[in-house]
Amino acid sequence: MVLIPYCLIFLVPFSVVIGYSLGGAYTFLTPIFVFGVIPVLDFIVGLSTENPTHAQEELLKDKLSYRAITIICVPLQVVMVIWGAYVVSESVLSPLETIGFIFSIGVSSGVMGINVSHELQHRVNLKAEPLLARIMLWTVLYMHWAIEHVAGHHMKVATPEDPATARYGETFYAFWLRTVFGGMASAWNIEAARLKRKGIKVFSLRNRIIYYSILELTLVIALFVVFGLGTVGYFIIQSIIAFTLLEIINYVEHYGLLRAKGSDGRYESVNFLHAWNSSNWLTNRFLFNLQRHSDHHYKPDRRYQILRHFDASPQLPTGYAGMILLAAIPPLWRMVMDHRVREYQTMVKKDE
């Protein structure tokens, strides 16, 4: 495992700045780079299924340099969103440039912002990193996800009860509605149950969902006061783009996979068979090994630099950048993925 390739993530916000500087259609440089250039390079570079040895894991797992990259992303994400508000309020952008610029900021917020927040929020036994994760989610109006993802999704993954597990045959667009609003409801229920166990009123500032909502509203109002009404629209749109990227990745990661349910009504334990895996070298460096998602669900406390590839895990045909394009076109997605789901389910049943 080498540290430097993970710095590729910084090319995403850099592409936003370059696109804005060049102007015109170049403001679309970021989505072209992420969804055009990267899938092609992903195919050319190919896979890397190499896993760290036990000795390497011990050396790498607590190395501060790997943690530093994710931490640097936090102020960068905040600066990008605020800079975007300034550009929208002060610059004379054409309608085309405005669309391209906001879309690019949203893609950057999704690829760098939410992805890094995901890595940070799993450090549940620490304080600083989960706090930084929430700051990043604050910039995309999705703070509740920090609760739902760890305490909801990871508990219910690959079951019909999980709003973030895509069902077989479900389009991304139907999934988006179910997971966005279902995830909010799930986060509220998790928090309400926590407060009731402690004997605290649900409708109080001790409720993190209420507290997070106030923080998000405060940020929207602050942008309005400082930069004007136009930036409110910019901020909300870039947030929607960002968490839509998150949810389309959720769609890809668990599509059609279900845990077996025993006669006692309990589901089997989560393991490396319950998420789609991709070991494409390039996109894993951009996404901090998020595509080694099977191991992430098997061992959620593992830091990104030591996540492992398992041959037995269900394998995606390409990296996330390419899979996002497929998911956006339901007939194409089903043509590529449905037979893989069926084949994998048949294989699992034979092994039981």
Foldseek 3Di string as FASTA:
>chain_A
DDQVLLLCLVVLLVQCVVLVVVADLSLLVNLCCLQPVVQVVLVVQDFDQDFDDPVVQVVPQPDVSNVVSLLVLLVVLVVLLLVLLVCQQPPDHDPSSNVSSLLSNLVSLQLNLQLSLLLQLLQVVDDPSPVSSLSSLLLLVRNLCSQCVPVNCLVQAQAPLHLLAAAAPDALVNSVVSNVVVSLVSSLVVQCVVCVVVVHDSPDCVRVSVVSVVSSVVVLVVSCVPRNDSSSVSSNVSSVSNVSLVSLVSHQWAYNGHFDADPVRDGDRQALQRTEAERRPNVCSNSLNVRLVSQCSHPVNGRSVRRHHDPLHQYDPTDPSNLSVQSVPVVSNCVRPVVSSVVNVVVVVVVD
